[in-house]
N, C-alpha and C. Protein backbone atom coordinates (compact mmCIF):
# COMPACT_ATOMS: atom_id res chain seq x y z
N UNK A 1 -65.36 -6.08 -18.01
CA UNK A 1 -65.99 -5.03 -17.25
C UNK A 1 -64.90 -4.16 -16.63
N UNK A 2 -65.04 -2.88 -16.66
CA UNK A 2 -64.05 -1.93 -16.14
C UNK A 2 -64.11 -1.85 -14.63
N UNK A 3 -62.94 -1.61 -14.03
CA UNK A 3 -62.86 -1.46 -12.58
C UNK A 3 -63.39 -0.08 -12.19
N UNK A 4 -64.22 -0.03 -11.17
CA UNK A 4 -64.73 1.28 -10.74
C UNK A 4 -63.59 2.16 -10.21
N UNK A 5 -63.72 3.46 -10.44
CA UNK A 5 -62.68 4.41 -10.06
C UNK A 5 -62.41 4.41 -8.56
N UNK A 6 -63.41 4.21 -7.75
CA UNK A 6 -63.23 4.22 -6.29
C UNK A 6 -62.35 3.05 -5.85
N UNK A 7 -62.45 1.88 -6.52
CA UNK A 7 -61.62 0.74 -6.16
C UNK A 7 -60.16 0.96 -6.57
N UNK A 8 -59.92 1.69 -7.66
CA UNK A 8 -58.57 1.99 -8.12
C UNK A 8 -57.88 2.91 -7.12
N UNK A 9 -58.57 3.93 -6.65
CA UNK A 9 -58.00 4.83 -5.63
C UNK A 9 -57.73 4.08 -4.34
N UNK A 10 -58.61 3.15 -3.99
CA UNK A 10 -58.41 2.37 -2.77
C UNK A 10 -57.13 1.53 -2.89
N UNK A 11 -56.85 0.96 -4.05
CA UNK A 11 -55.64 0.17 -4.27
C UNK A 11 -54.38 1.04 -4.19
N UNK A 12 -54.45 2.26 -4.70
CA UNK A 12 -53.30 3.17 -4.62
C UNK A 12 -53.01 3.58 -3.19
N UNK A 13 -54.02 3.73 -2.38
CA UNK A 13 -53.81 4.10 -0.99
C UNK A 13 -53.18 2.95 -0.20
N UNK A 14 -53.41 1.72 -0.65
CA UNK A 14 -52.84 0.57 0.06
C UNK A 14 -51.36 0.36 -0.26
N UNK A 15 -50.85 0.99 -1.31
CA UNK A 15 -49.42 0.88 -1.62
C UNK A 15 -48.61 1.45 -0.47
N UNK A 16 -47.54 0.76 -0.11
CA UNK A 16 -46.70 1.22 0.99
C UNK A 16 -45.56 2.06 0.42
N UNK A 17 -45.71 3.35 0.53
CA UNK A 17 -44.70 4.27 -0.03
C UNK A 17 -43.42 4.31 0.81
N UNK A 18 -43.47 3.94 2.06
CA UNK A 18 -42.28 4.00 2.91
C UNK A 18 -41.20 3.03 2.42
N UNK A 19 -41.58 1.90 1.83
CA UNK A 19 -40.60 0.96 1.28
C UNK A 19 -39.87 1.61 0.12
N UNK A 20 -40.61 2.25 -0.78
CA UNK A 20 -39.99 2.90 -1.93
C UNK A 20 -39.06 4.04 -1.50
N UNK A 21 -39.49 4.81 -0.53
CA UNK A 21 -38.69 5.94 -0.05
C UNK A 21 -37.41 5.42 0.61
N UNK A 22 -37.52 4.36 1.42
CA UNK A 22 -36.32 3.83 2.08
C UNK A 22 -35.33 3.24 1.06
N UNK A 23 -35.82 2.61 0.01
CA UNK A 23 -34.94 2.08 -1.04
C UNK A 23 -34.25 3.23 -1.77
N UNK A 24 -34.96 4.29 -2.06
CA UNK A 24 -34.38 5.44 -2.74
C UNK A 24 -33.32 6.10 -1.85
N UNK A 25 -33.60 6.27 -0.56
CA UNK A 25 -32.62 6.88 0.36
C UNK A 25 -31.38 6.00 0.48
N UNK A 26 -31.58 4.69 0.60
CA UNK A 26 -30.42 3.78 0.68
C UNK A 26 -29.59 3.84 -0.59
N UNK A 27 -30.24 3.93 -1.74
CA UNK A 27 -29.51 4.02 -3.01
C UNK A 27 -28.71 5.31 -3.11
N UNK A 28 -29.29 6.41 -2.67
CA UNK A 28 -28.59 7.70 -2.69
C UNK A 28 -27.39 7.68 -1.76
N UNK A 29 -27.57 7.12 -0.54
CA UNK A 29 -26.44 7.02 0.41
C UNK A 29 -25.32 6.13 -0.15
N UNK A 30 -25.69 5.04 -0.79
CA UNK A 30 -24.69 4.17 -1.40
C UNK A 30 -23.94 4.88 -2.52
N UNK A 31 -24.64 5.64 -3.33
CA UNK A 31 -24.00 6.39 -4.43
C UNK A 31 -23.06 7.46 -3.87
N UNK A 32 -23.46 8.13 -2.79
CA UNK A 32 -22.60 9.15 -2.17
C UNK A 32 -21.34 8.49 -1.59
N UNK A 33 -21.49 7.35 -0.91
CA UNK A 33 -20.33 6.63 -0.36
C UNK A 33 -19.38 6.16 -1.45
N UNK A 34 -19.91 5.62 -2.52
CA UNK A 34 -19.08 5.17 -3.63
C UNK A 34 -18.37 6.36 -4.27
N UNK A 35 -19.06 7.48 -4.45
CA UNK A 35 -18.43 8.68 -5.02
C UNK A 35 -17.30 9.20 -4.15
N UNK A 36 -17.50 9.20 -2.83
CA UNK A 36 -16.44 9.64 -1.92
C UNK A 36 -15.23 8.72 -2.04
N UNK A 37 -15.46 7.40 -2.07
CA UNK A 37 -14.36 6.45 -2.22
C UNK A 37 -13.64 6.68 -3.55
N UNK A 38 -14.39 6.91 -4.62
CA UNK A 38 -13.84 7.04 -5.95
C UNK A 38 -12.88 8.22 -6.08
N UNK A 39 -13.13 9.31 -5.37
CA UNK A 39 -12.28 10.49 -5.50
C UNK A 39 -11.26 10.63 -4.37
N UNK A 40 -11.41 9.88 -3.26
CA UNK A 40 -10.51 10.13 -2.13
C UNK A 40 -9.66 8.93 -1.71
N UNK A 41 -10.04 7.72 -2.01
CA UNK A 41 -9.29 6.55 -1.57
C UNK A 41 -8.00 6.43 -2.38
N UNK A 42 -6.87 6.31 -1.68
CA UNK A 42 -5.59 6.19 -2.36
C UNK A 42 -5.17 4.73 -2.46
N UNK A 43 -4.72 4.34 -3.64
CA UNK A 43 -4.17 3.01 -3.86
C UNK A 43 -2.66 3.16 -4.04
N UNK A 44 -1.91 2.34 -3.35
CA UNK A 44 -0.46 2.40 -3.44
C UNK A 44 0.02 1.53 -4.59
N UNK A 45 0.93 2.07 -5.39
CA UNK A 45 1.56 1.28 -6.45
C UNK A 45 3.02 1.03 -6.06
N UNK A 46 3.51 -0.12 -6.43
CA UNK A 46 4.85 -0.54 -6.06
C UNK A 46 5.68 -0.85 -7.30
N UNK A 47 6.98 -0.63 -7.18
CA UNK A 47 7.94 -1.10 -8.18
C UNK A 47 8.58 -2.34 -7.57
N UNK A 48 8.61 -3.42 -8.33
CA UNK A 48 9.08 -4.70 -7.82
C UNK A 48 10.39 -5.11 -8.49
N UNK A 49 11.29 -5.69 -7.69
CA UNK A 49 12.54 -6.23 -8.21
C UNK A 49 12.74 -7.63 -7.67
N UNK A 50 13.19 -8.52 -8.55
CA UNK A 50 13.52 -9.88 -8.12
C UNK A 50 15.02 -10.13 -8.17
N UNK A 51 15.79 -9.10 -8.52
CA UNK A 51 17.26 -9.20 -8.51
C UNK A 51 17.73 -8.69 -7.16
N UNK A 52 17.97 -9.63 -6.24
CA UNK A 52 18.18 -9.28 -4.84
C UNK A 52 19.40 -10.00 -4.29
N UNK A 53 20.15 -9.28 -3.44
CA UNK A 53 21.23 -9.88 -2.66
C UNK A 53 21.01 -9.48 -1.21
N UNK A 54 21.12 -10.45 -0.30
CA UNK A 54 20.94 -10.18 1.13
C UNK A 54 22.29 -10.30 1.82
N UNK A 55 22.61 -9.32 2.64
CA UNK A 55 23.86 -9.34 3.39
C UNK A 55 23.83 -10.47 4.42
N UNK A 56 24.96 -11.09 4.62
CA UNK A 56 25.07 -12.12 5.65
C UNK A 56 25.23 -11.51 7.04
N UNK A 57 25.64 -10.25 7.07
CA UNK A 57 25.85 -9.59 8.36
C UNK A 57 24.51 -9.14 8.93
N UNK A 58 24.33 -9.45 10.18
CA UNK A 58 23.10 -9.04 10.86
C UNK A 58 23.48 -8.21 12.07
N UNK A 59 22.76 -7.15 12.28
CA UNK A 59 23.07 -6.25 13.39
C UNK A 59 21.89 -6.25 14.36
N UNK A 60 22.19 -6.28 15.64
CA UNK A 60 21.14 -6.19 16.66
C UNK A 60 21.05 -4.74 17.14
N UNK A 61 19.84 -4.21 17.19
CA UNK A 61 19.61 -2.82 17.56
C UNK A 61 18.54 -2.79 18.65
N UNK A 62 18.75 -1.97 19.65
CA UNK A 62 17.76 -1.81 20.70
C UNK A 62 17.07 -0.47 20.55
N UNK A 63 15.74 -0.51 20.54
CA UNK A 63 14.94 0.70 20.51
C UNK A 63 13.98 0.65 21.69
N UNK A 64 13.51 1.80 22.10
CA UNK A 64 12.59 1.84 23.22
C UNK A 64 11.17 2.00 22.71
N UNK A 65 10.25 1.27 23.36
CA UNK A 65 8.85 1.32 22.97
C UNK A 65 8.24 2.65 23.39
N UNK A 66 7.04 2.91 22.90
CA UNK A 66 6.30 4.10 23.34
C UNK A 66 5.98 3.97 24.81
N UNK A 67 5.90 5.10 25.47
CA UNK A 67 5.67 5.12 26.90
C UNK A 67 4.29 4.55 27.21
N UNK A 68 4.25 3.59 28.10
CA UNK A 68 2.98 3.04 28.56
C UNK A 68 3.02 3.01 30.08
N UNK A 69 2.13 3.74 30.71
CA UNK A 69 2.10 3.88 32.17
C UNK A 69 3.43 4.40 32.72
N UNK A 70 4.07 5.28 31.97
CA UNK A 70 5.33 5.88 32.41
C UNK A 70 6.54 4.99 32.25
N UNK A 71 6.39 3.83 31.62
CA UNK A 71 7.51 2.89 31.47
C UNK A 71 7.82 2.72 29.99
N UNK A 72 9.10 2.83 29.66
CA UNK A 72 9.55 2.59 28.28
C UNK A 72 10.35 1.30 28.29
N UNK A 73 9.89 0.34 27.51
CA UNK A 73 10.53 -0.97 27.43
C UNK A 73 11.51 -1.02 26.28
N UNK A 74 12.69 -1.60 26.47
CA UNK A 74 13.59 -1.79 25.33
C UNK A 74 13.12 -2.97 24.48
N UNK A 75 13.20 -2.79 23.16
CA UNK A 75 12.84 -3.85 22.21
C UNK A 75 14.06 -4.12 21.34
N UNK A 76 14.38 -5.38 21.17
CA UNK A 76 15.55 -5.78 20.39
C UNK A 76 15.11 -6.09 18.96
N UNK A 77 15.80 -5.46 17.98
CA UNK A 77 15.51 -5.66 16.57
C UNK A 77 16.73 -6.22 15.86
N UNK A 78 16.49 -6.97 14.79
CA UNK A 78 17.54 -7.43 13.89
C UNK A 78 17.49 -6.57 12.64
N UNK A 79 18.65 -6.22 12.10
CA UNK A 79 18.72 -5.44 10.88
C UNK A 79 19.56 -6.19 9.85
N UNK A 80 19.09 -6.17 8.61
CA UNK A 80 19.83 -6.75 7.50
C UNK A 80 19.83 -5.76 6.35
N UNK A 81 20.94 -5.69 5.64
CA UNK A 81 21.04 -4.86 4.44
C UNK A 81 20.66 -5.72 3.23
N UNK A 82 19.88 -5.14 2.34
CA UNK A 82 19.44 -5.83 1.14
C UNK A 82 19.75 -4.95 -0.05
N UNK A 83 20.33 -5.54 -1.07
CA UNK A 83 20.64 -4.82 -2.31
C UNK A 83 19.70 -5.33 -3.40
N UNK A 84 19.03 -4.40 -4.08
CA UNK A 84 18.11 -4.77 -5.15
C UNK A 84 18.39 -3.91 -6.38
N UNK A 85 18.20 -4.49 -7.54
CA UNK A 85 18.40 -3.80 -8.82
C UNK A 85 17.03 -3.43 -9.39
N UNK A 86 16.86 -2.16 -9.71
CA UNK A 86 15.62 -1.65 -10.30
C UNK A 86 15.92 -0.99 -11.63
N UNK A 87 14.93 -0.87 -12.52
CA UNK A 87 15.14 -0.16 -13.78
C UNK A 87 15.42 1.32 -13.53
N UNK A 88 16.27 1.91 -14.34
CA UNK A 88 16.63 3.33 -14.17
C UNK A 88 15.44 4.25 -14.41
N UNK A 89 14.40 3.77 -15.06
CA UNK A 89 13.23 4.61 -15.34
C UNK A 89 12.50 5.01 -14.07
N UNK A 90 12.69 4.30 -12.97
CA UNK A 90 12.01 4.64 -11.72
C UNK A 90 12.92 5.40 -10.76
N UNK A 91 14.08 5.81 -11.20
CA UNK A 91 15.03 6.47 -10.30
C UNK A 91 14.47 7.76 -9.71
N UNK A 92 13.60 8.47 -10.43
CA UNK A 92 13.01 9.71 -9.91
C UNK A 92 11.93 9.42 -8.87
N UNK A 93 11.40 8.21 -8.85
CA UNK A 93 10.33 7.86 -7.92
C UNK A 93 10.84 7.24 -6.63
N UNK A 94 12.12 6.87 -6.58
CA UNK A 94 12.68 6.24 -5.40
C UNK A 94 13.57 7.25 -4.68
N UNK A 95 13.32 7.41 -3.38
CA UNK A 95 14.06 8.37 -2.56
C UNK A 95 14.51 7.69 -1.27
N UNK A 96 15.48 8.31 -0.62
CA UNK A 96 15.92 7.79 0.68
C UNK A 96 14.76 7.87 1.67
N UNK A 97 14.74 6.95 2.62
CA UNK A 97 13.72 6.83 3.67
C UNK A 97 12.36 6.40 3.14
N UNK A 98 12.30 5.97 1.91
CA UNK A 98 11.04 5.53 1.33
C UNK A 98 10.70 4.13 1.83
N UNK A 99 9.42 3.88 2.16
CA UNK A 99 9.06 2.55 2.65
C UNK A 99 9.14 1.49 1.56
N UNK A 100 9.44 0.27 1.99
CA UNK A 100 9.55 -0.86 1.08
C UNK A 100 9.11 -2.13 1.81
N UNK A 101 8.93 -3.20 1.05
CA UNK A 101 8.59 -4.50 1.62
C UNK A 101 9.54 -5.54 1.05
N UNK A 102 10.06 -6.41 1.91
CA UNK A 102 10.85 -7.56 1.49
C UNK A 102 9.93 -8.76 1.65
N UNK A 103 9.62 -9.43 0.53
CA UNK A 103 8.67 -10.54 0.58
C UNK A 103 9.37 -11.86 0.33
N UNK A 104 8.98 -12.88 1.09
CA UNK A 104 9.54 -14.22 0.92
C UNK A 104 8.48 -15.24 1.29
N UNK A 105 8.76 -16.51 0.98
CA UNK A 105 7.83 -17.60 1.30
C UNK A 105 8.22 -18.20 2.64
N UNK A 106 7.23 -18.44 3.50
CA UNK A 106 7.52 -19.11 4.77
C UNK A 106 7.39 -20.62 4.59
N UNK A 107 7.48 -21.38 5.70
CA UNK A 107 7.47 -22.84 5.64
C UNK A 107 6.17 -23.38 5.06
N UNK A 108 5.06 -22.66 5.26
CA UNK A 108 3.76 -23.12 4.79
C UNK A 108 3.47 -22.70 3.36
N UNK A 109 4.44 -22.03 2.71
CA UNK A 109 4.26 -21.61 1.33
C UNK A 109 3.55 -20.27 1.18
N UNK A 110 3.24 -19.62 2.27
CA UNK A 110 2.58 -18.32 2.21
C UNK A 110 3.61 -17.22 2.03
N UNK A 111 3.17 -16.14 1.38
CA UNK A 111 4.06 -14.99 1.20
C UNK A 111 3.99 -14.12 2.45
N UNK A 112 5.15 -13.83 3.02
CA UNK A 112 5.26 -13.01 4.22
C UNK A 112 6.10 -11.78 3.87
N UNK A 113 5.74 -10.63 4.43
CA UNK A 113 6.47 -9.39 4.14
C UNK A 113 7.08 -8.81 5.41
N UNK A 114 8.29 -8.29 5.26
CA UNK A 114 8.98 -7.57 6.34
C UNK A 114 9.17 -6.14 5.86
N UNK A 115 8.85 -5.16 6.70
CA UNK A 115 9.06 -3.77 6.27
C UNK A 115 10.54 -3.44 6.16
N UNK A 116 10.84 -2.58 5.20
CA UNK A 116 12.22 -2.12 4.99
C UNK A 116 12.17 -0.65 4.63
N UNK A 117 13.36 -0.07 4.52
CA UNK A 117 13.47 1.36 4.20
C UNK A 117 14.65 1.57 3.27
N UNK A 118 14.47 2.42 2.27
CA UNK A 118 15.54 2.73 1.33
C UNK A 118 16.58 3.58 2.07
N UNK A 119 17.85 3.15 2.03
CA UNK A 119 18.89 3.94 2.68
C UNK A 119 19.89 4.54 1.68
N UNK A 120 19.96 3.97 0.47
CA UNK A 120 20.90 4.51 -0.52
C UNK A 120 20.47 4.10 -1.92
N UNK A 121 20.68 5.02 -2.87
CA UNK A 121 20.39 4.77 -4.28
C UNK A 121 21.67 5.03 -5.06
N UNK A 122 22.11 4.05 -5.83
CA UNK A 122 23.37 4.17 -6.56
C UNK A 122 23.10 3.99 -8.05
N UNK A 123 23.48 4.98 -8.83
CA UNK A 123 23.38 4.86 -10.29
C UNK A 123 24.61 4.10 -10.77
N UNK A 124 24.39 3.04 -11.51
CA UNK A 124 25.49 2.21 -12.00
C UNK A 124 26.18 2.91 -13.17
N UNK A 125 27.50 3.17 -13.07
CA UNK A 125 28.20 3.87 -14.15
C UNK A 125 28.31 3.04 -15.43
N UNK A 126 28.42 1.71 -15.30
CA UNK A 126 28.58 0.88 -16.50
C UNK A 126 27.25 0.26 -16.96
N UNK A 127 26.16 0.55 -16.26
CA UNK A 127 24.84 0.03 -16.64
C UNK A 127 23.82 1.16 -16.50
N UNK A 128 23.55 1.83 -17.61
CA UNK A 128 22.64 2.98 -17.56
C UNK A 128 21.18 2.55 -17.52
N UNK A 129 20.89 1.26 -17.68
CA UNK A 129 19.51 0.78 -17.66
C UNK A 129 19.01 0.46 -16.26
N UNK A 130 19.93 0.35 -15.28
CA UNK A 130 19.54 -0.07 -13.93
C UNK A 130 20.13 0.84 -12.87
N UNK A 131 19.48 0.83 -11.70
CA UNK A 131 20.02 1.48 -10.51
C UNK A 131 20.06 0.44 -9.39
N UNK A 132 20.98 0.64 -8.46
CA UNK A 132 21.08 -0.24 -7.31
C UNK A 132 20.50 0.49 -6.11
N UNK A 133 19.60 -0.19 -5.40
CA UNK A 133 18.96 0.38 -4.23
C UNK A 133 19.34 -0.48 -3.03
N UNK A 134 19.85 0.18 -1.99
CA UNK A 134 20.20 -0.54 -0.77
C UNK A 134 19.13 -0.24 0.27
N UNK A 135 18.60 -1.31 0.85
CA UNK A 135 17.52 -1.19 1.81
C UNK A 135 17.96 -1.74 3.16
N UNK A 136 17.29 -1.29 4.20
CA UNK A 136 17.53 -1.78 5.54
C UNK A 136 16.24 -2.42 6.03
N UNK A 137 16.27 -3.74 6.23
CA UNK A 137 15.10 -4.46 6.75
C UNK A 137 15.28 -4.62 8.25
N UNK A 138 14.24 -4.28 8.99
CA UNK A 138 14.32 -4.35 10.45
C UNK A 138 13.12 -5.14 10.96
N UNK A 139 13.38 -6.15 11.79
CA UNK A 139 12.30 -6.98 12.31
C UNK A 139 12.62 -7.37 13.74
N UNK A 140 11.59 -7.75 14.46
CA UNK A 140 11.70 -8.09 15.88
C UNK A 140 12.63 -9.29 16.06
N UNK A 141 13.60 -9.16 16.95
CA UNK A 141 14.58 -10.23 17.17
C UNK A 141 13.97 -11.44 17.86
N UNK A 142 12.81 -11.25 18.47
CA UNK A 142 12.16 -12.37 19.17
C UNK A 142 11.39 -13.28 18.23
N UNK A 143 11.30 -12.89 16.96
CA UNK A 143 10.62 -13.75 15.99
C UNK A 143 11.50 -14.96 15.73
N UNK A 144 10.92 -16.12 15.88
CA UNK A 144 11.66 -17.35 15.60
C UNK A 144 10.91 -18.14 14.56
N UNK A 145 11.52 -18.67 13.58
CA UNK A 145 12.93 -18.55 13.23
C UNK A 145 13.21 -17.24 12.50
N UNK A 146 14.49 -16.94 12.38
CA UNK A 146 14.93 -15.73 11.68
C UNK A 146 14.44 -15.81 10.23
N UNK A 147 13.69 -14.79 9.78
CA UNK A 147 13.11 -14.86 8.43
C UNK A 147 14.12 -14.96 7.30
N UNK A 148 15.37 -14.53 7.51
CA UNK A 148 16.34 -14.53 6.43
C UNK A 148 17.18 -15.80 6.37
N UNK A 149 17.05 -16.67 7.35
CA UNK A 149 17.82 -17.90 7.34
C UNK A 149 17.02 -19.00 6.65
N UNK A 150 17.61 -19.64 5.66
CA UNK A 150 17.05 -20.79 4.96
C UNK A 150 15.77 -20.46 4.19
N UNK A 151 15.59 -19.22 3.80
CA UNK A 151 14.41 -18.86 3.02
C UNK A 151 14.84 -18.10 1.79
N UNK A 152 14.13 -18.33 0.73
CA UNK A 152 14.42 -17.63 -0.51
C UNK A 152 13.52 -16.40 -0.60
N UNK A 153 14.14 -15.25 -0.79
CA UNK A 153 13.37 -14.02 -0.91
C UNK A 153 12.68 -14.02 -2.27
N UNK A 154 11.40 -13.70 -2.27
CA UNK A 154 10.61 -13.67 -3.50
C UNK A 154 10.89 -12.39 -4.27
N UNK A 155 10.75 -11.23 -3.61
CA UNK A 155 10.99 -9.95 -4.27
C UNK A 155 11.07 -8.82 -3.25
N UNK A 156 11.44 -7.65 -3.75
CA UNK A 156 11.45 -6.42 -2.96
C UNK A 156 10.52 -5.45 -3.66
N UNK A 157 9.63 -4.84 -2.89
CA UNK A 157 8.70 -3.86 -3.44
C UNK A 157 8.93 -2.51 -2.77
N UNK A 158 9.05 -1.46 -3.60
CA UNK A 158 9.20 -0.10 -3.08
C UNK A 158 7.98 0.70 -3.50
N UNK A 159 7.40 1.38 -2.53
CA UNK A 159 6.24 2.22 -2.79
C UNK A 159 6.66 3.38 -3.68
N UNK A 160 6.06 3.48 -4.88
CA UNK A 160 6.48 4.53 -5.82
C UNK A 160 5.41 5.57 -6.09
N UNK A 161 4.15 5.27 -5.80
CA UNK A 161 3.12 6.24 -6.13
C UNK A 161 1.84 5.90 -5.38
N UNK A 162 1.01 6.91 -5.19
CA UNK A 162 -0.33 6.71 -4.66
C UNK A 162 -1.29 7.36 -5.64
N UNK A 163 -2.33 6.63 -6.00
CA UNK A 163 -3.25 7.11 -7.02
C UNK A 163 -4.67 6.79 -6.59
N UNK A 164 -5.61 7.69 -6.88
CA UNK A 164 -7.01 7.47 -6.55
C UNK A 164 -7.69 6.73 -7.70
N UNK A 165 -8.82 6.08 -7.44
CA UNK A 165 -9.54 5.39 -8.52
C UNK A 165 -9.94 6.32 -9.67
N UNK A 166 -10.28 7.58 -9.36
CA UNK A 166 -10.65 8.50 -10.44
C UNK A 166 -9.43 8.81 -11.33
N UNK A 167 -8.23 8.94 -10.71
CA UNK A 167 -7.02 9.15 -11.51
C UNK A 167 -6.78 7.94 -12.42
N UNK A 168 -6.96 6.74 -11.86
CA UNK A 168 -6.76 5.52 -12.64
C UNK A 168 -7.75 5.45 -13.80
N UNK A 169 -9.01 5.82 -13.55
CA UNK A 169 -10.02 5.80 -14.61
C UNK A 169 -9.71 6.83 -15.69
N UNK A 170 -9.23 8.02 -15.29
CA UNK A 170 -8.89 9.04 -16.28
C UNK A 170 -7.69 8.62 -17.12
N UNK A 171 -6.70 7.98 -16.49
CA UNK A 171 -5.55 7.47 -17.25
C UNK A 171 -6.01 6.40 -18.24
N UNK A 172 -6.88 5.49 -17.79
CA UNK A 172 -7.35 4.40 -18.65
C UNK A 172 -8.18 4.92 -19.82
N UNK A 173 -8.89 6.03 -19.61
CA UNK A 173 -9.73 6.58 -20.68
C UNK A 173 -8.92 7.39 -21.69
N UNK A 174 -7.64 7.62 -21.40
CA UNK A 174 -6.80 8.37 -22.34
C UNK A 174 -6.62 9.81 -21.97
N UNK A 175 -7.31 10.28 -20.96
CA UNK A 175 -7.12 11.66 -20.51
C UNK A 175 -5.87 11.70 -19.66
N UNK A 176 -4.93 12.54 -20.03
CA UNK A 176 -3.67 12.62 -19.29
C UNK A 176 -3.81 13.68 -18.20
N UNK A 177 -3.54 13.27 -16.97
CA UNK A 177 -3.51 14.23 -15.87
C UNK A 177 -2.20 14.05 -15.14
N UNK A 178 -1.74 15.11 -14.53
CA UNK A 178 -0.48 15.05 -13.80
C UNK A 178 -0.72 14.40 -12.44
N UNK A 179 0.13 13.42 -12.10
CA UNK A 179 0.00 12.77 -10.81
C UNK A 179 0.80 13.53 -9.77
N UNK A 180 0.34 13.46 -8.55
CA UNK A 180 1.00 14.13 -7.45
C UNK A 180 2.22 13.30 -7.04
N UNK A 181 3.40 13.93 -6.87
CA UNK A 181 4.58 13.16 -6.47
C UNK A 181 4.42 12.60 -5.06
N UNK A 182 5.06 11.47 -4.81
CA UNK A 182 4.98 10.82 -3.52
C UNK A 182 5.74 11.62 -2.49
N UNK A 183 5.10 11.89 -1.35
CA UNK A 183 5.75 12.56 -0.25
C UNK A 183 6.14 11.51 0.76
N UNK A 184 7.41 11.41 1.06
CA UNK A 184 7.90 10.39 1.96
C UNK A 184 7.79 10.85 3.40
N UNK A 185 8.15 12.07 3.67
CA UNK A 185 8.15 12.56 5.04
C UNK A 185 7.59 13.98 5.08
N UNK A 186 6.68 14.25 6.03
CA UNK A 186 6.13 15.61 6.11
C UNK A 186 7.18 16.64 6.49
N UNK A 187 8.30 16.22 7.10
CA UNK A 187 9.35 17.15 7.48
C UNK A 187 10.09 17.67 6.25
N UNK A 188 10.06 16.92 5.13
CA UNK A 188 10.76 17.36 3.92
C UNK A 188 10.03 18.47 3.21
N UNK A 189 8.76 18.68 3.56
CA UNK A 189 8.01 19.84 3.08
C UNK A 189 7.60 19.83 1.63
N UNK A 190 7.05 18.75 1.12
CA UNK A 190 6.53 18.76 -0.24
C UNK A 190 5.05 18.90 -0.23
């Protein structure tokens, strides 16, 4: 037996359209958020070297903290020079004052990173395949124990590029696009 038309309309009126509308709005907002992330979020890429030498000389440096309530506190830092060998193919991507990370294993086996900065780049005259990069690692002198004593450095990473997910997807699909060069300091004017 067929359902009467009046009962079918009554069933349609009982449907809750607000649930469907809220699901559609949430889906649209999620798609907009994902699209914004896809075109604007920058991912940092690093060049890594495991050929490392750490200077035995350590220098103590005093810097002043940012002013808080009109008082500037002196902070004591330790500095170490680190020499790392990188492939010559990345020589155009590494510049002075570029940020870097010195990574090593702590007592618990976890990887710990100390910030560093590129201070010099030397092209090896007898080795055209590699360049030598000298970095300055600076860390709080109050950290105990000293991270460079009795620890094996895992690697040195230098920030070489920043790329968005859409750039990465276009590269993976075979479309070649020009990447924007890394700007290290806004004062250098790139």
